[in-house]
Amino acid sequence: MSYNIATMPQKEQDAIQHDLMASFWAYKEKRGLMSRPEIIKYIHQHFLEADLQQHLMDRYEYFKSV
């Protein structure tokens, strides 16, 4: 089954992109390429909305535990 993400609403596209970023950060931490403080710093520097920062941290923690 395949999906065309470009046809989805922007909100769903953003949610998918945020999950991809969070999973990549978890991967990088597990491989020793980034540390947790670096990831937190990156999130706070590049995403200004507090709700989005919390969502990204939650998704990052989720992917780290998987």
N, C-alpha and C. Protein backbone atom coordinates (compact mmCIF):
# COMPACT_ATOMS: atom_id res chain seq x y z
N MET A 1 0.84 -1.16 0.00
CA MET A 1 0.00 0.00 0.00
C MET A 1 0.89 1.23 0.00
N SER A 2 0.55 2.20 -0.81
CA SER A 2 1.34 3.42 -0.84
C SER A 2 0.43 4.63 -0.65
N TYR A 3 1.01 5.67 -0.11
CA TYR A 3 0.28 6.89 0.14
C TYR A 3 1.02 8.04 -0.52
N ASN A 4 0.29 8.99 -1.02
CA ASN A 4 0.89 10.20 -1.55
C ASN A 4 0.73 11.27 -0.48
N ILE A 5 1.78 11.52 0.24
CA ILE A 5 1.74 12.46 1.35
C ILE A 5 1.42 13.87 0.86
N ALA A 6 1.79 14.20 -0.35
CA ALA A 6 1.55 15.54 -0.88
C ALA A 6 0.07 15.86 -1.01
N THR A 7 -0.78 14.84 -1.07
CA THR A 7 -2.22 15.09 -1.19
C THR A 7 -2.90 15.23 0.16
N MET A 8 -2.17 14.99 1.23
CA MET A 8 -2.74 15.11 2.58
C MET A 8 -2.80 16.57 2.99
N PRO A 9 -3.67 16.89 3.94
CA PRO A 9 -3.70 18.27 4.46
C PRO A 9 -2.36 18.64 5.10
N GLN A 10 -2.06 19.92 5.11
CA GLN A 10 -0.77 20.40 5.63
C GLN A 10 -0.52 19.96 7.06
N LYS A 11 -1.56 19.93 7.88
CA LYS A 11 -1.39 19.54 9.29
C LYS A 11 -0.90 18.09 9.39
N GLU A 12 -1.44 17.20 8.57
CA GLU A 12 -1.00 15.80 8.58
C GLU A 12 0.41 15.67 8.03
N GLN A 13 0.74 16.46 7.01
CA GLN A 13 2.10 16.44 6.47
C GLN A 13 3.10 16.87 7.55
N ASP A 14 2.76 17.91 8.30
CA ASP A 14 3.64 18.39 9.36
C ASP A 14 3.80 17.33 10.45
N ALA A 15 2.71 16.65 10.81
CA ALA A 15 2.79 15.61 11.84
C ALA A 15 3.72 14.48 11.40
N ILE A 16 3.64 14.10 10.15
CA ILE A 16 4.52 13.05 9.62
C ILE A 16 5.97 13.52 9.66
N GLN A 17 6.21 14.75 9.25
CA GLN A 17 7.57 15.30 9.25
C GLN A 17 8.13 15.36 10.67
N HIS A 18 7.30 15.75 11.63
CA HIS A 18 7.76 15.82 13.02
C HIS A 18 8.11 14.43 13.56
N ASP A 19 7.31 13.43 13.21
CA ASP A 19 7.63 12.06 13.62
C ASP A 19 8.94 11.59 13.00
N LEU A 20 9.16 11.94 11.74
CA LEU A 20 10.41 11.55 11.09
C LEU A 20 11.61 12.19 11.78
N MET A 21 11.49 13.47 12.11
CA MET A 21 12.59 14.15 12.79
C MET A 21 12.85 13.53 14.16
N ALA A 22 11.79 13.28 14.92
CA ALA A 22 11.93 12.72 16.26
C ALA A 22 12.55 11.33 16.21
N SER A 23 12.14 10.52 15.26
CA SER A 23 12.71 9.18 15.15
C SER A 23 14.18 9.25 14.75
N PHE A 24 14.54 10.21 13.91
CA PHE A 24 15.93 10.37 13.50
C PHE A 24 16.79 10.81 14.68
N TRP A 25 16.25 11.71 15.51
CA TRP A 25 17.00 12.14 16.71
C TRP A 25 17.22 10.96 17.65
N ALA A 26 16.19 10.13 17.83
CA ALA A 26 16.33 8.95 18.70
C ALA A 26 17.39 8.01 18.13
N TYR A 27 17.38 7.82 16.82
CA TYR A 27 18.39 6.98 16.15
C TYR A 27 19.79 7.54 16.40
N LYS A 28 19.93 8.86 16.22
CA LYS A 28 21.25 9.47 16.40
C LYS A 28 21.74 9.33 17.84
N GLU A 29 20.84 9.45 18.80
CA GLU A 29 21.26 9.29 20.19
C GLU A 29 21.67 7.85 20.47
N LYS A 30 20.90 6.90 19.97
CA LYS A 30 21.23 5.49 20.19
C LYS A 30 22.57 5.13 19.58
N ARG A 31 22.93 5.77 18.48
CA ARG A 31 24.19 5.49 17.80
C ARG A 31 25.35 6.33 18.32
N GLY A 32 25.07 7.23 19.25
CA GLY A 32 26.12 8.07 19.83
C GLY A 32 26.51 9.24 18.95
N LEU A 33 25.67 9.61 18.00
CA LEU A 33 25.98 10.72 17.11
C LEU A 33 25.52 12.07 17.66
N MET A 34 24.54 12.04 18.55
CA MET A 34 24.04 13.25 19.21
C MET A 34 23.72 12.88 20.65
N SER A 35 23.85 13.85 21.53
CA SER A 35 23.49 13.61 22.93
C SER A 35 22.11 14.22 23.20
N ARG A 36 21.51 13.78 24.28
CA ARG A 36 20.19 14.31 24.66
C ARG A 36 20.20 15.83 24.81
N PRO A 37 21.19 16.41 25.49
CA PRO A 37 21.21 17.88 25.60
C PRO A 37 21.30 18.58 24.24
N GLU A 38 22.03 18.00 23.30
CA GLU A 38 22.12 18.59 21.96
C GLU A 38 20.76 18.57 21.26
N ILE A 39 20.05 17.48 21.43
CA ILE A 39 18.73 17.35 20.80
C ILE A 39 17.76 18.35 21.41
N ILE A 40 17.76 18.46 22.72
CA ILE A 40 16.88 19.42 23.40
C ILE A 40 17.21 20.84 22.96
N LYS A 41 18.49 21.15 22.89
CA LYS A 41 18.92 22.48 22.46
C LYS A 41 18.46 22.74 21.03
N TYR A 42 18.60 21.76 20.15
CA TYR A 42 18.17 21.91 18.76
C TYR A 42 16.67 22.20 18.68
N ILE A 43 15.88 21.44 19.44
CA ILE A 43 14.43 21.63 19.43
C ILE A 43 14.07 23.04 19.89
N HIS A 44 14.70 23.50 20.96
CA HIS A 44 14.37 24.82 21.50
C HIS A 44 14.86 25.95 20.60
N GLN A 45 15.92 25.73 19.86
CA GLN A 45 16.43 26.78 18.97
C GLN A 45 15.66 26.87 17.66
N HIS A 46 15.18 25.75 17.16
CA HIS A 46 14.57 25.74 15.83
C HIS A 46 13.04 25.74 15.82
N PHE A 47 12.43 25.49 16.94
CA PHE A 47 10.97 25.46 17.03
C PHE A 47 10.55 26.37 18.18
N LEU A 48 9.88 27.46 17.87
CA LEU A 48 9.61 28.49 18.87
C LEU A 48 8.33 28.26 19.65
N GLU A 49 7.37 27.52 19.10
CA GLU A 49 6.10 27.29 19.79
C GLU A 49 6.29 26.26 20.91
N ALA A 50 5.83 26.61 22.10
CA ALA A 50 6.00 25.72 23.25
C ALA A 50 5.25 24.40 23.06
N ASP A 51 4.06 24.45 22.49
CA ASP A 51 3.30 23.21 22.26
C ASP A 51 4.02 22.29 21.30
N LEU A 52 4.59 22.85 20.25
CA LEU A 52 5.32 22.05 19.28
C LEU A 52 6.59 21.48 19.90
N GLN A 53 7.28 22.26 20.71
CA GLN A 53 8.47 21.77 21.39
C GLN A 53 8.13 20.57 22.27
N GLN A 54 7.02 20.68 23.02
CA GLN A 54 6.62 19.59 23.88
C GLN A 54 6.23 18.36 23.06
N HIS A 55 5.53 18.57 21.97
CA HIS A 55 5.13 17.46 21.10
C HIS A 55 6.37 16.75 20.54
N LEU A 56 7.35 17.52 20.09
CA LEU A 56 8.57 16.92 19.55
C LEU A 56 9.33 16.15 20.63
N MET A 57 9.38 16.70 21.84
CA MET A 57 10.05 15.99 22.94
C MET A 57 9.32 14.69 23.27
N ASP A 58 7.99 14.73 23.27
CA ASP A 58 7.21 13.52 23.55
C ASP A 58 7.45 12.46 22.49
N ARG A 59 7.44 12.87 21.24
CA ARG A 59 7.66 11.92 20.14
C ARG A 59 9.09 11.38 20.17
N TYR A 60 10.04 12.23 20.50
CA TYR A 60 11.44 11.80 20.63
C TYR A 60 11.57 10.75 21.73
N GLU A 61 10.95 11.00 22.88
CA GLU A 61 10.99 10.03 23.98
C GLU A 61 10.31 8.73 23.58
N TYR A 62 9.22 8.82 22.84
CA TYR A 62 8.52 7.62 22.39
C TYR A 62 9.43 6.78 21.49
N PHE A 63 10.04 7.41 20.51
CA PHE A 63 10.89 6.67 19.57
C PHE A 63 12.15 6.15 20.25
N LYS A 64 12.62 6.86 21.27
CA LYS A 64 13.79 6.39 22.00
C LYS A 64 13.47 5.12 22.78
N SER A 65 12.23 4.99 23.23
CA SER A 65 11.85 3.81 24.01
C SER A 65 11.48 2.62 23.15
N VAL A 66 11.28 2.83 21.87
CA VAL A 66 10.87 1.73 20.99
C VAL A 66 12.07 0.89 20.62
